[in-house]
Amino acid sequence: MNLNPKHLIKVLEQNGFIFKRSKGSHQLYYNPVTNKTVIVPVHGGKDMKKGTFLAVLKQAGIDKNILD
């Protein structure tokens, strides 16, 4: 499983999320259709922890099996 934040952002954008704003190392993405907002931590080139990655997907309402 690719735990890179850029990969997560790509998955979010493919599911209708758009970049709204950024503050420090956190980027906020919003989906106008589902009215959901998720925050993606982007800390340099470091991978995210698996739990954090899956939690963001769950908040976005995206099934984790779509990544397989």
N, C-alpha and C. Protein backbone atom coordinates (compact mmCIF):
# COMPACT_ATOMS: atom_id res chain seq x y z
N MET A 1 0.85 -1.18 0.00
CA MET A 1 0.00 0.00 0.00
C MET A 1 0.89 1.24 0.00
N ASN A 2 0.59 2.15 -0.91
CA ASN A 2 1.34 3.39 -1.03
C ASN A 2 0.78 4.38 -0.01
N LEU A 3 1.57 4.75 0.99
CA LEU A 3 1.12 5.64 2.06
C LEU A 3 1.59 7.08 1.86
N ASN A 4 1.99 7.41 0.65
CA ASN A 4 2.44 8.75 0.34
C ASN A 4 1.25 9.72 0.32
N PRO A 5 1.38 10.90 0.96
CA PRO A 5 0.27 11.86 0.95
C PRO A 5 -0.14 12.30 -0.46
N LYS A 6 0.81 12.36 -1.38
CA LYS A 6 0.48 12.76 -2.75
C LYS A 6 -0.43 11.72 -3.41
N HIS A 7 -0.22 10.46 -3.08
CA HIS A 7 -1.08 9.39 -3.60
C HIS A 7 -2.50 9.55 -3.03
N LEU A 8 -2.60 9.85 -1.75
CA LEU A 8 -3.90 10.05 -1.11
C LEU A 8 -4.62 11.24 -1.75
N ILE A 9 -3.90 12.31 -2.01
CA ILE A 9 -4.50 13.48 -2.64
C ILE A 9 -5.02 13.14 -4.03
N LYS A 10 -4.28 12.35 -4.76
CA LYS A 10 -4.71 11.92 -6.10
C LYS A 10 -6.02 11.12 -6.02
N VAL A 11 -6.11 10.23 -5.02
CA VAL A 11 -7.32 9.43 -4.83
C VAL A 11 -8.50 10.34 -4.46
N LEU A 12 -8.25 11.31 -3.59
CA LEU A 12 -9.31 12.23 -3.21
C LEU A 12 -9.81 13.03 -4.41
N GLU A 13 -8.88 13.54 -5.22
CA GLU A 13 -9.27 14.33 -6.39
C GLU A 13 -10.04 13.50 -7.41
N GLN A 14 -9.70 12.22 -7.53
CA GLN A 14 -10.43 11.34 -8.45
C GLN A 14 -11.85 11.09 -7.96
N ASN A 15 -12.09 11.31 -6.67
CA ASN A 15 -13.41 11.11 -6.10
C ASN A 15 -14.14 12.42 -5.83
N GLY A 16 -13.76 13.48 -6.52
CA GLY A 16 -14.50 14.73 -6.48
C GLY A 16 -14.07 15.76 -5.46
N PHE A 17 -12.99 15.51 -4.72
CA PHE A 17 -12.52 16.48 -3.74
C PHE A 17 -11.66 17.54 -4.44
N ILE A 18 -11.79 18.77 -3.99
CA ILE A 18 -11.00 19.87 -4.53
C ILE A 18 -10.22 20.53 -3.40
N PHE A 19 -9.04 21.03 -3.75
CA PHE A 19 -8.20 21.72 -2.77
C PHE A 19 -8.88 23.01 -2.38
N LYS A 20 -9.00 23.24 -1.08
CA LYS A 20 -9.64 24.46 -0.61
C LYS A 20 -8.62 25.44 -0.04
N ARG A 21 -7.80 24.95 0.91
CA ARG A 21 -6.78 25.83 1.50
C ARG A 21 -5.72 25.00 2.19
N SER A 22 -4.68 25.69 2.62
CA SER A 22 -3.57 25.04 3.29
C SER A 22 -3.14 25.90 4.47
N LYS A 23 -2.74 25.24 5.54
CA LYS A 23 -2.20 25.97 6.68
C LYS A 23 -1.06 25.14 7.24
N GLY A 24 0.14 25.63 7.09
CA GLY A 24 1.30 24.88 7.53
C GLY A 24 1.48 23.63 6.69
N SER A 25 1.53 22.48 7.34
CA SER A 25 1.76 21.23 6.63
C SER A 25 0.46 20.45 6.42
N HIS A 26 -0.69 21.10 6.60
CA HIS A 26 -1.97 20.43 6.44
C HIS A 26 -2.76 21.06 5.30
N GLN A 27 -3.29 20.21 4.43
CA GLN A 27 -4.07 20.69 3.29
C GLN A 27 -5.52 20.25 3.46
N LEU A 28 -6.44 21.17 3.19
CA LEU A 28 -7.85 20.92 3.38
C LEU A 28 -8.49 20.68 2.02
N TYR A 29 -9.19 19.57 1.89
CA TYR A 29 -9.89 19.20 0.66
C TYR A 29 -11.38 19.10 0.94
N TYR A 30 -12.19 19.59 -0.03
CA TYR A 30 -13.64 19.65 0.14
C TYR A 30 -14.33 19.02 -1.06
N ASN A 31 -15.39 18.27 -0.79
CA ASN A 31 -16.20 17.68 -1.85
C ASN A 31 -17.56 18.37 -1.83
N PRO A 32 -17.87 19.17 -2.87
CA PRO A 32 -19.15 19.90 -2.87
C PRO A 32 -20.36 18.99 -3.04
N VAL A 33 -20.19 17.82 -3.61
CA VAL A 33 -21.32 16.90 -3.82
C VAL A 33 -21.74 16.26 -2.50
N THR A 34 -20.77 15.73 -1.76
CA THR A 34 -21.08 15.05 -0.50
C THR A 34 -21.01 16.00 0.70
N ASN A 35 -20.52 17.21 0.49
CA ASN A 35 -20.37 18.23 1.53
C ASN A 35 -19.44 17.75 2.65
N LYS A 36 -18.40 16.97 2.29
CA LYS A 36 -17.43 16.47 3.26
C LYS A 36 -16.11 17.22 3.11
N THR A 37 -15.44 17.39 4.23
CA THR A 37 -14.14 18.04 4.27
C THR A 37 -13.16 17.12 4.97
N VAL A 38 -11.97 16.97 4.39
CA VAL A 38 -10.92 16.17 5.02
C VAL A 38 -9.63 16.96 5.05
N ILE A 39 -8.81 16.68 6.04
CA ILE A 39 -7.52 17.34 6.18
C ILE A 39 -6.43 16.30 5.94
N VAL A 40 -5.51 16.62 5.04
CA VAL A 40 -4.42 15.72 4.70
C VAL A 40 -3.11 16.31 5.23
N PRO A 41 -2.44 15.61 6.15
CA PRO A 41 -1.14 16.09 6.62
C PRO A 41 -0.05 15.75 5.61
N VAL A 42 0.69 16.77 5.18
CA VAL A 42 1.78 16.58 4.22
C VAL A 42 3.06 17.07 4.89
N HIS A 43 3.83 16.13 5.42
CA HIS A 43 5.06 16.48 6.12
C HIS A 43 6.27 16.12 5.27
N GLY A 44 6.60 16.99 4.36
CA GLY A 44 7.76 16.77 3.50
C GLY A 44 7.58 15.54 2.63
N GLY A 45 8.61 14.75 2.50
CA GLY A 45 8.55 13.55 1.68
C GLY A 45 8.23 12.30 2.49
N LYS A 46 7.84 12.48 3.76
CA LYS A 46 7.59 11.34 4.63
C LYS A 46 6.24 10.69 4.34
N ASP A 47 6.19 9.37 4.43
CA ASP A 47 4.93 8.65 4.29
C ASP A 47 4.08 8.85 5.54
N MET A 48 2.77 8.70 5.34
CA MET A 48 1.84 8.80 6.46
C MET A 48 1.80 7.46 7.19
N LYS A 49 1.35 7.48 8.42
CA LYS A 49 1.12 6.23 9.13
C LYS A 49 -0.14 5.59 8.53
N LYS A 50 -0.17 4.27 8.55
CA LYS A 50 -1.27 3.54 7.91
C LYS A 50 -2.62 3.92 8.53
N GLY A 51 -2.67 4.06 9.83
CA GLY A 51 -3.92 4.41 10.51
C GLY A 51 -4.42 5.79 10.11
N THR A 52 -3.52 6.74 9.97
CA THR A 52 -3.88 8.09 9.55
C THR A 52 -4.40 8.07 8.13
N PHE A 53 -3.71 7.34 7.25
CA PHE A 53 -4.10 7.23 5.85
C PHE A 53 -5.51 6.67 5.73
N LEU A 54 -5.76 5.58 6.45
CA LEU A 54 -7.08 4.93 6.39
C LEU A 54 -8.16 5.80 7.05
N ALA A 55 -7.80 6.55 8.08
CA ALA A 55 -8.77 7.42 8.75
C ALA A 55 -9.23 8.54 7.82
N VAL A 56 -8.30 9.10 7.04
CA VAL A 56 -8.67 10.15 6.09
C VAL A 56 -9.60 9.58 5.02
N LEU A 57 -9.28 8.38 4.53
CA LEU A 57 -10.17 7.74 3.55
C LEU A 57 -11.56 7.51 4.13
N LYS A 58 -11.63 7.08 5.38
CA LYS A 58 -12.92 6.82 6.02
C LYS A 58 -13.72 8.11 6.18
N GLN A 59 -13.06 9.19 6.57
CA GLN A 59 -13.72 10.48 6.71
C GLN A 59 -14.25 10.97 5.38
N ALA A 60 -13.53 10.63 4.31
CA ALA A 60 -13.93 11.05 2.97
C ALA A 60 -15.05 10.18 2.41
N GLY A 61 -15.31 9.05 3.07
CA GLY A 61 -16.35 8.15 2.59
C GLY A 61 -15.89 7.29 1.42
N ILE A 62 -14.57 7.04 1.33
CA ILE A 62 -14.00 6.26 0.24
C ILE A 62 -13.64 4.88 0.79
N ASP A 63 -14.05 3.84 0.09
CA ASP A 63 -13.76 2.47 0.52
C ASP A 63 -12.26 2.19 0.36
N LYS A 64 -11.65 1.64 1.39
CA LYS A 64 -10.21 1.36 1.34
C LYS A 64 -9.85 0.30 0.33
N ASN A 65 -10.82 -0.54 -0.07
CA ASN A 65 -10.55 -1.60 -1.04
C ASN A 65 -10.34 -1.05 -2.45
N ILE A 66 -10.66 0.21 -2.67
CA ILE A 66 -10.46 0.82 -3.99
C ILE A 66 -8.96 0.94 -4.30
N LEU A 67 -8.11 0.88 -3.27
CA LEU A 67 -6.67 1.04 -3.46
C LEU A 67 -5.99 -0.23 -3.92
N ASP A 68 -6.63 -1.37 -3.77
CA ASP A 68 -6.01 -2.65 -4.14
C ASP A 68 -5.97 -2.86 -5.63
